Protein backbone atom coordinates (compact mmCIF):
# COMPACT_ATOMS: atom_id res chain seq x y z
CA MET A 1 -0.18 -5.07 -28.82
CA GLN A 2 0.99 -1.50 -29.27
CA MET A 3 0.55 1.14 -26.59
CA LYS A 4 -1.17 4.30 -27.79
CA THR A 5 1.37 7.00 -28.61
CA TYR A 6 0.80 10.75 -28.22
CA LEU A 7 3.19 13.36 -29.63
CA ASN A 8 3.44 16.53 -27.54
CA PRO A 9 -0.14 16.49 -26.26
CA ALA A 10 -1.35 19.72 -24.68
CA PRO A 11 -1.34 19.73 -20.86
CA ASP A 12 -5.12 20.15 -20.73
CA THR A 13 -5.46 16.74 -22.45
CA TRP A 14 -3.19 14.80 -20.08
CA ALA A 15 -5.90 13.82 -17.62
CA ASP A 16 -8.01 12.21 -20.36
CA LEU A 17 -5.26 10.36 -22.18
CA LEU A 18 -3.77 9.04 -18.90
CA ARG A 19 -7.09 7.99 -17.38
CA ARG A 20 -6.82 4.73 -15.42
CA PRO A 21 -9.14 1.82 -16.27
CA THR A 22 -11.79 1.64 -13.56
CA MET A 23 -15.20 0.23 -12.86
CA ALA A 24 -17.93 2.68 -11.97
CA ALA A 25 -17.69 3.40 -8.25
CA ALA A 26 -21.45 3.14 -7.77
CA ASP A 27 -21.48 -0.37 -9.21
CA LEU A 28 -18.55 -1.44 -7.06
CA ASP A 29 -20.06 -0.01 -3.88
CA LYS A 30 -23.37 -1.75 -4.53
CA ILE A 31 -21.79 -5.15 -5.10
CA VAL A 32 -19.21 -4.93 -2.33
CA GLY A 33 -21.57 -3.25 0.12
CA GLY A 34 -23.92 -6.20 -0.20
CA VAL A 35 -21.11 -8.64 0.57
CA LEU A 36 -20.02 -6.72 3.66
CA ALA A 37 -23.59 -6.34 4.96
CA ASP A 38 -24.17 -10.06 4.53
CA ILE A 39 -21.02 -10.94 6.48
CA GLU A 40 -21.99 -8.54 9.24
CA GLN A 41 -25.30 -10.39 9.59
CA ARG A 42 -24.31 -14.02 8.98
CA GLY A 43 -20.62 -14.18 9.79
CA ASP A 44 -18.79 -17.42 8.96
CA GLU A 45 -21.63 -18.91 6.93
CA ALA A 46 -21.68 -15.92 4.58
CA VAL A 47 -17.88 -16.06 4.26
CA ARG A 48 -18.15 -19.78 3.50
CA GLU A 49 -20.72 -19.20 0.74
CA TYR A 50 -18.73 -16.38 -0.89
CA THR A 51 -15.57 -18.48 -0.79
CA GLU A 52 -17.40 -21.30 -2.54
CA ARG A 53 -18.86 -18.90 -5.13
CA PHE A 54 -15.72 -16.89 -5.93
CA ASP A 55 -12.88 -19.32 -5.16
CA GLY A 56 -14.58 -22.57 -6.10
CA VAL A 57 -14.03 -24.40 -2.84
CA ARG A 58 -16.16 -24.96 0.27
CA LEU A 59 -14.24 -24.90 3.53
CA ASP A 60 -15.46 -26.09 6.88
CA ASP A 61 -12.56 -24.35 8.63
CA PHE A 62 -10.83 -21.23 7.31
CA ARG A 63 -7.86 -21.48 9.65
CA VAL A 64 -4.47 -22.53 8.33
CA SER A 65 -3.16 -25.29 10.59
CA GLU A 66 0.33 -25.74 11.99
CA ALA A 67 0.59 -28.90 9.88
CA GLU A 68 0.00 -26.89 6.69
CA ILE A 69 2.68 -24.40 7.71
CA ALA A 70 5.11 -27.22 8.46
CA GLU A 71 4.37 -28.77 5.07
CA ALA A 72 5.06 -25.45 3.34
CA ARG A 73 8.31 -25.08 5.24
CA ALA A 74 9.41 -28.58 4.21
CA THR A 75 8.44 -28.37 0.55
CA LEU A 76 9.63 -24.87 -0.40
CA ALA A 77 12.85 -24.84 -2.39
CA PRO A 78 15.93 -23.88 -0.31
CA GLU A 79 16.94 -21.28 -2.90
CA LEU A 80 13.57 -19.53 -2.59
CA LYS A 81 13.76 -19.67 1.21
CA ALA A 82 17.18 -18.01 1.07
CA ALA A 83 15.86 -15.28 -1.24
CA ILE A 84 12.92 -14.61 1.08
CA GLN A 85 15.23 -14.47 4.09
CA LEU A 86 17.51 -11.96 2.33
CA ALA A 87 14.53 -9.80 1.46
CA ARG A 88 13.28 -9.95 5.05
CA THR A 89 16.67 -8.81 6.35
CA ASN A 90 16.77 -5.79 4.03
CA ILE A 91 13.16 -4.84 4.79
CA GLU A 92 13.79 -5.18 8.53
CA THR A 93 16.91 -3.05 8.28
CA PHE A 94 15.15 -0.25 6.44
CA HIS A 95 11.97 -0.22 8.52
CA ALA A 96 13.65 -0.59 11.93
CA ARG A 97 15.44 2.71 11.31
CA GLN A 98 12.08 4.46 11.06
CA TRP A 99 11.49 4.44 14.82
CA GLU A 100 11.29 7.95 16.25
CA PRO A 101 12.85 8.49 19.69
CA VAL A 102 10.68 10.06 22.38
CA GLU A 103 11.82 13.62 22.87
CA ALA A 104 10.29 15.86 25.54
CA VAL A 105 10.07 19.54 24.61
CA GLU A 106 9.76 22.32 27.20
CA THR A 107 7.60 24.80 25.31
CA MET A 108 7.92 27.29 28.17
CA PRO A 109 9.16 27.02 31.75
CA GLY A 110 7.24 24.28 33.58
CA VAL A 111 5.37 23.07 30.46
CA ARG A 112 6.64 19.76 29.00
CA CYS A 113 5.19 18.07 25.89
CA TRP A 114 6.17 14.86 24.17
CA ARG A 115 4.91 12.26 21.74
CA LYS A 116 5.09 8.49 22.12
CA SER A 117 4.72 5.83 19.42
CA VAL A 118 2.53 2.85 20.36
CA PRO A 119 1.57 -0.11 18.17
CA ILE A 120 -1.90 -0.63 16.75
CA GLU A 121 -3.00 -3.67 18.74
CA LYS A 122 -4.86 -5.60 16.02
CA VAL A 123 -4.05 -5.40 12.31
CA GLY A 124 -5.36 -7.35 9.36
CA LEU A 125 -3.17 -8.09 6.34
CA TYR A 126 -4.74 -8.97 2.99
CA ILE A 127 -2.55 -10.92 0.57
CA PRO A 128 -3.85 -11.50 -2.97
CA GLY A 129 -3.65 -15.05 -4.31
CA GLY A 130 -5.40 -15.11 -7.66
CA THR A 131 -3.25 -15.29 -10.77
CA ALA A 132 -0.10 -14.29 -8.84
CA PRO A 133 0.28 -15.34 -5.17
CA LEU A 134 2.03 -12.28 -3.73
CA PHE A 135 4.11 -13.72 -0.90
CA SER A 136 6.29 -10.61 -1.22
CA ALA A 137 3.37 -8.60 0.18
CA VAL A 138 3.59 -10.73 3.33
CA LEU A 139 7.11 -9.40 3.86
CA MET A 140 6.09 -5.81 3.17
CA LEU A 141 3.24 -5.90 5.69
CA GLY A 142 4.30 -8.53 8.20
CA VAL A 143 7.81 -7.21 8.84
CA PRO A 144 6.83 -3.66 9.89
CA ALA A 145 3.80 -4.99 11.82
CA THR A 146 6.13 -7.20 13.87
CA ILE A 147 8.72 -4.46 14.35
CA ALA A 148 5.97 -2.10 15.52
CA GLY A 149 4.82 -4.67 18.10
CA CYS A 150 1.23 -5.15 16.91
CA ARG A 151 -0.20 -7.78 19.28
CA GLU A 152 -2.49 -9.51 16.75
CA ARG A 153 -1.31 -9.82 13.16
CA ILE A 154 -4.09 -11.49 11.15
CA LEU A 155 -3.54 -12.56 7.55
CA CYS A 156 -6.22 -13.44 5.00
CA THR A 157 -5.45 -14.87 1.58
CA PRO A 158 -7.62 -16.77 -0.92
CA PRO A 159 -7.41 -20.57 -1.16
CA ASP A 160 -6.98 -22.48 -4.40
CA LYS A 161 -9.52 -24.97 -5.78
CA ASN A 162 -8.16 -27.61 -3.41
CA GLY A 163 -8.49 -25.43 -0.34
CA LYS A 164 -4.73 -24.87 -0.15
CA VAL A 165 -2.66 -21.71 0.25
CA ASN A 166 0.49 -21.15 -1.77
CA PRO A 167 3.39 -22.57 0.30
CA ALA A 168 5.55 -19.46 -0.22
CA ILE A 169 2.81 -17.36 1.39
CA LEU A 170 2.60 -19.72 4.36
CA TYR A 171 6.38 -19.96 4.78
CA THR A 172 6.79 -16.19 4.65
CA ALA A 173 3.89 -15.57 7.03
CA ASP A 174 5.43 -17.92 9.56
CA LEU A 175 8.87 -16.38 9.05
CA VAL A 176 7.72 -12.83 9.83
CA GLY A 177 5.58 -13.75 12.83
CA ILE A 178 1.97 -13.66 11.62
CA THR A 179 -0.22 -14.81 14.53
CA GLN A 180 -3.20 -16.26 12.58
CA ILE A 181 -3.71 -17.14 8.91
CA PHE A 182 -7.11 -17.61 7.24
CA LYS A 183 -8.06 -18.98 3.82
CA ILE A 184 -10.34 -16.14 2.80
CA GLY A 185 -10.01 -13.87 -0.22
CA GLY A 186 -11.61 -10.89 -1.90
CA ALA A 187 -14.19 -8.55 -0.40
CA GLN A 188 -15.32 -11.30 1.99
CA ALA A 189 -11.90 -11.25 3.66
CA ILE A 190 -12.16 -7.51 4.20
CA GLY A 191 -15.69 -7.98 5.59
CA ALA A 192 -14.57 -10.71 8.00
CA MET A 193 -11.72 -8.59 9.37
CA THR A 194 -14.00 -5.55 9.60
CA TYR A 195 -16.87 -7.08 11.54
CA GLY A 196 -15.29 -10.20 12.98
CA THR A 197 -16.89 -13.63 12.86
CA ALA A 198 -16.93 -16.64 15.14
CA THR A 199 -13.65 -17.65 13.46
CA VAL A 200 -11.99 -14.44 12.32
CA PRO A 201 -11.23 -11.67 14.81
CA SER A 202 -12.08 -8.08 13.95
CA VAL A 203 -9.12 -5.73 13.58
CA TYR A 204 -8.46 -2.02 13.98
CA LYS A 205 -6.67 -1.44 10.67
CA ILE A 206 -6.56 -3.33 7.37
CA PHE A 207 -3.60 -3.41 5.00
CA GLY A 208 -2.83 -4.88 1.64
CA PRO A 209 -3.24 -4.56 -2.11
CA GLY A 210 -5.98 -6.07 -4.20
CA ASN A 211 -8.29 -5.66 -7.16
CA GLN A 212 -10.99 -3.03 -7.43
CA TYR A 213 -13.38 -5.10 -5.32
CA VAL A 214 -10.87 -5.37 -2.48
CA THR A 215 -10.10 -1.65 -2.72
CA ALA A 216 -13.81 -0.79 -2.63
CA ALA A 217 -14.31 -3.10 0.36
CA LYS A 218 -11.47 -1.41 2.24
CA GLN A 219 -12.92 2.01 1.55
CA LEU A 220 -16.35 0.88 2.77
CA ALA A 221 -14.70 -0.63 5.85
CA SER A 222 -13.13 2.73 6.61
CA ARG A 223 -16.64 4.21 6.86
CA ARG A 224 -17.44 1.60 9.51
CA GLY A 225 -14.71 2.58 11.93
CA VAL A 226 -11.84 0.43 10.63
CA ALA A 227 -8.74 2.26 9.44
CA ILE A 228 -7.04 1.27 6.18
CA ASP A 229 -3.55 1.78 4.86
CA MET A 230 -4.56 3.57 1.67
CA PRO A 231 -6.65 3.12 -1.46
CA ALA A 232 -4.33 0.57 -3.13
CA GLY A 233 -5.81 -0.73 -6.37
CA PRO A 234 -4.43 -2.08 -9.64
CA SER A 235 -0.69 -1.70 -10.09
CA GLU A 236 0.86 0.96 -12.33
CA VAL A 237 4.26 2.27 -13.42
CA LEU A 238 5.48 5.34 -15.25
CA VAL A 239 8.91 5.14 -16.89
CA CYS A 240 10.63 8.34 -17.96
CA ALA A 241 13.40 7.54 -20.45
CA ASP A 242 15.88 9.76 -22.25
CA ASP A 243 18.32 8.86 -25.05
CA THR A 244 20.72 7.24 -22.58
CA ALA A 245 18.17 4.56 -21.66
CA ASN A 246 18.36 0.98 -22.88
CA PRO A 247 15.08 0.23 -24.74
CA ALA A 248 15.22 -3.42 -23.61
CA PHE A 249 15.45 -2.32 -19.96
CA VAL A 250 12.54 0.09 -20.37
CA ALA A 251 10.38 -2.52 -22.11
CA ALA A 252 11.07 -5.03 -19.35
CA ASP A 253 10.07 -2.46 -16.72
CA LEU A 254 6.79 -1.69 -18.51
CA LEU A 255 5.93 -5.36 -18.90
CA SER A 256 6.78 -6.12 -15.28
CA GLN A 257 3.75 -4.09 -14.28
CA ALA A 258 1.55 -4.97 -17.23
CA GLU A 259 1.69 -8.64 -16.24
CA HIS A 260 0.19 -7.87 -12.81
CA GLY A 261 -3.36 -7.76 -14.10
CA ILE A 262 -5.63 -6.75 -16.96
CA ASP A 263 -6.57 -3.56 -15.10
CA SER A 264 -2.94 -2.47 -14.62
CA GLN A 265 -1.64 0.55 -16.51
CA VAL A 266 1.87 1.41 -17.72
CA VAL A 267 3.06 4.74 -19.09
CA LEU A 268 6.20 5.67 -21.01
CA VAL A 269 7.25 9.32 -21.06
CA THR A 270 10.16 10.19 -23.32
CA LEU A 271 11.68 13.17 -25.09
CA SER A 272 12.57 11.13 -28.16
CA GLU A 273 10.37 9.60 -30.86
CA THR A 274 13.28 7.31 -31.68
CA MET A 275 13.33 5.97 -28.11
CA ALA A 276 9.54 5.55 -28.15
CA GLN A 277 9.76 3.41 -31.29
CA ALA A 278 12.69 1.37 -29.97
CA VAL A 279 10.83 0.64 -26.73
CA ALA A 280 7.68 -0.35 -28.66
CA GLU A 281 9.68 -2.87 -30.68
CA ALA A 282 11.33 -4.25 -27.54
CA VAL A 283 7.93 -4.57 -25.83
CA GLU A 284 6.59 -6.62 -28.74
CA ALA A 285 9.63 -8.89 -28.74
CA GLN A 286 9.59 -9.50 -24.99
CA LEU A 287 5.82 -9.84 -24.78
CA ALA A 288 5.90 -12.89 -27.02
CA THR A 289 8.05 -14.73 -24.47
CA LEU A 290 5.94 -14.02 -21.37
CA PRO A 291 3.82 -16.76 -19.77
CA ARG A 292 1.34 -14.05 -18.74
CA ARG A 293 1.33 -12.33 -22.13
CA GLU A 294 -2.46 -12.36 -22.49
CA ILE A 295 -2.82 -10.46 -19.22
CA ALA A 296 -0.05 -8.06 -20.24
CA LYS A 297 -1.66 -7.50 -23.66
CA GLU A 298 -4.91 -6.44 -22.02
CA ALA A 299 -3.07 -4.04 -19.71
CA LEU A 300 -1.15 -2.57 -22.66
CA SER A 301 -4.43 -1.85 -24.45
CA HIS A 302 -5.15 0.96 -22.00
CA SER A 303 -1.53 2.05 -21.56
CA VAL A 304 0.17 4.96 -23.31
CA THR A 305 3.42 6.42 -24.58
CA VAL A 306 3.80 10.19 -24.38
CA VAL A 307 6.53 12.01 -26.30
CA LEU A 308 7.24 15.48 -24.95
CA GLU A 309 9.49 18.31 -26.10
CA ASP A 310 11.34 19.10 -22.89
CA ARG A 311 12.30 17.88 -19.43
CA ALA A 312 10.14 20.45 -17.60
CA ALA A 313 7.02 19.15 -19.32
CA ALA A 314 7.94 15.58 -18.38
CA VAL A 315 8.27 16.51 -14.71
CA GLU A 316 4.95 18.36 -14.84
CA LEU A 317 3.20 15.35 -16.38
CA ILE A 318 4.71 12.95 -13.84
CA ASN A 319 3.54 15.07 -10.93
CA ALA A 320 0.08 15.41 -12.46
CA TYR A 321 -0.23 11.63 -12.99
CA ALA A 322 1.22 10.76 -9.53
CA PRO A 323 2.35 7.22 -10.37
CA GLU A 324 2.51 4.38 -7.90
CA HIS A 325 5.96 3.43 -9.26
CA LEU A 326 8.18 5.93 -11.05
CA ILE A 327 11.34 4.82 -12.89
CA LEU A 328 13.66 7.64 -13.97
CA SER A 329 15.77 5.97 -16.64
CA VAL A 330 17.65 9.17 -17.45
CA ALA A 331 21.23 10.38 -17.24
CA ASP A 332 20.60 12.81 -14.39
CA ALA A 333 18.12 10.68 -12.43
CA GLY A 334 19.08 12.06 -9.03
CA GLU A 335 18.63 15.66 -10.11
CA MET A 336 15.31 14.89 -11.80
CA GLY A 337 14.18 12.92 -8.76
CA GLU A 338 14.50 16.04 -6.61
CA GLN A 339 11.75 17.64 -8.73
CA ILE A 340 9.26 14.83 -8.14
CA LEU A 341 6.44 15.78 -5.77
CA ASN A 342 3.89 13.03 -6.42
CA ALA A 343 4.93 9.38 -6.58
CA GLY A 344 4.63 6.31 -4.40
CA SER A 345 8.21 5.08 -4.85
CA VAL A 346 10.97 6.34 -7.16
CA PHE A 347 13.60 4.18 -8.89
CA LEU A 348 16.66 6.14 -9.99
CA GLY A 349 18.90 5.30 -12.92
CA HIS A 350 19.30 2.56 -15.49
CA TYR A 351 20.11 -0.23 -13.03
CA THR A 352 17.22 0.17 -10.60
CA PRO A 353 14.29 -1.84 -11.94
CA GLU A 354 10.98 -1.60 -10.14
CA SER A 355 11.30 -5.30 -9.34
CA VAL A 356 13.95 -4.65 -6.66
CA GLY A 357 11.49 -2.51 -4.71
CA ASP A 358 8.77 -5.10 -5.18
CA TYR A 359 10.89 -7.74 -3.50
CA ALA A 360 14.07 -7.06 -1.69
CA SER A 361 15.79 -3.64 -1.73
CA GLY A 362 14.24 -2.79 1.64
CA THR A 363 11.62 -0.19 0.74
CA ASN A 364 7.94 -1.06 0.97
CA HIS A 365 5.99 -2.00 -2.14
CA THR A 366 2.50 -1.30 -0.72
CA LEU A 367 1.94 2.05 -2.38
CA PRO A 368 -0.84 4.47 -3.32
CA THR A 369 -2.30 4.01 -6.80
CA ASP A 370 -4.86 5.78 -8.99
CA GLY A 371 -3.34 9.21 -8.33
CA TYR A 372 -3.52 8.90 -4.54
CA ALA A 373 0.24 9.48 -4.37
CA ARG A 374 -0.69 13.17 -4.44
CA SER A 375 -1.83 12.85 -0.83
CA TYR A 376 -0.86 9.39 0.51
CA SER A 377 2.45 7.80 1.42
CA GLY A 378 3.32 4.16 0.98
CA VAL A 379 3.25 1.75 3.91
CA SER A 380 6.00 2.25 6.49
CA LEU A 381 6.57 1.56 10.16
CA ASP A 382 4.42 4.61 10.89
CA SER A 383 1.47 2.82 9.29
CA PHE A 384 1.42 0.30 12.16
CA ILE A 385 1.76 2.71 15.06
CA LYS A 386 -0.18 5.53 16.63
CA LYS A 387 1.31 8.69 18.06
CA ILE A 388 0.00 9.67 21.50
CA THR A 389 0.84 13.13 22.80
CA PHE A 390 1.56 13.84 26.45
CA GLN A 391 1.87 17.05 28.44
CA GLU A 392 2.83 17.75 32.02
CA LEU A 393 2.71 21.12 33.79
CA SER A 394 4.20 22.05 37.11
CA ARG A 395 2.33 24.51 39.32
CA GLU A 396 4.70 27.19 38.10
CA GLY A 397 4.09 26.14 34.51
CA LEU A 398 0.33 26.54 34.92
CA GLN A 399 0.85 29.93 36.54
CA GLY A 400 2.74 31.05 33.48
CA LEU A 401 0.44 29.52 30.86
CA GLY A 402 -2.92 29.56 32.63
CA PRO A 403 -3.93 33.21 32.19
CA ALA A 404 -3.54 32.98 28.40
CA VAL A 405 -5.68 29.81 28.36
CA GLN A 406 -8.32 31.52 30.48
CA ARG A 407 -8.55 34.50 28.15
CA MET A 408 -8.83 32.29 25.08
CA ALA A 409 -11.54 30.08 26.64
CA GLU A 410 -13.54 33.12 27.76
CA ALA A 411 -13.30 34.59 24.25
CA GLU A 412 -14.83 31.38 22.90
CA GLU A 413 -17.47 31.53 25.68
CA LEU A 414 -16.38 28.17 27.06
CA MET A 415 -16.43 29.14 30.70
CA ALA A 416 -15.95 25.64 32.11
CA HIS A 417 -12.66 25.47 30.22
CA ALA A 418 -11.58 28.70 31.85
CA ARG A 419 -12.74 27.50 35.27
CA ALA A 420 -10.62 24.31 34.99
CA VAL A 421 -7.58 26.59 34.97
CA ALA A 422 -8.89 29.15 37.45
CA VAL A 423 -9.64 26.67 40.25
CA ARG A 424 -6.03 25.50 40.12
CA LEU A 425 -4.58 29.01 40.08
CA GLU A 426 -6.79 29.96 43.05
CA GLU A 427 -5.51 27.05 45.12
CA LYS A 428 -3.48 28.20 48.09
CA ALA A 429 0.06 26.96 48.09
């Protein structure tokens, strides 16, 4: 399966040729909105029916038991446990350094202001199961949630046909301190965490990647008073490769995202037709060896290669596309990276595959997709905390600041605002 190739396309065509594969939003909202409304009305029974319909199993109890967690802990291979523990350590190290110290600022004599970080009390984490059980997402969401001090850390993930959850997901969830785990997937999981049921508690913010249905459910949930991390839909990568790149490396990077799902998209940007051809040949060769090649083939069918004449045009295209993952497989990756304005996470140089960020380098892999990197950041410690501002004025501070506040309030004809200052200034010492 060959990616479409475009030679020096005009900038005004970029948006069309790089269009992501999506379902019509109106169709998604109608389908998902019905699921959420049903769960709001019928709670657990609706969740039970949707689980049977979409996951092929009927569950009397959605909760994951301690016995199931113990079984996962006992059966998981020691080598995989060690890898997960290494990843957790790196992710903890990186995210723990994101705490901001409380610093009081005296804006003028007698007027002190400061900001304090406090955890979001109840968070819901959605972990896809489907064709690829993403236990790595448990690390990316559970570690910062625990560091932040979120009191309730709820995790939902779809069961298999036997009503089981992948043991790596359970082991990782236990390792990072998830407080409750439920066997619920898809839009119904988002609905349960939004409205709460007799079994599943409602939460204040929902995190996690998913397909277009999950993304639509999260966006609908945000209209019902529940915060979300970001619109995180199908995975995508853009690789920018110059003549110093290894075509086999580039092909592997493209396929690593193509195998995520049939609605994923991968993009190659290069300044060399020779490199474009070499990468295409390497993609074909490697594709034939992949267990998930049929999924990757479908993703490649709506993926593209763009050959451009100069570096400036490549940077402009990257910033216009705003990729979730950006790999700069170029000689001067650091310099080029400084010119990037819109990307979820950037991977610099020939020896930094996207896979390291997905699993264990320490950065977070929950990132904005579908162009949302123009305005959203990826998940970080900040995603799990709120910032509350404080101010404290002495009598002298109010004497200095109060008259200006009075004049401003009176100019806006908000006389009670002005009076709140005046009554204090009129108080006899």
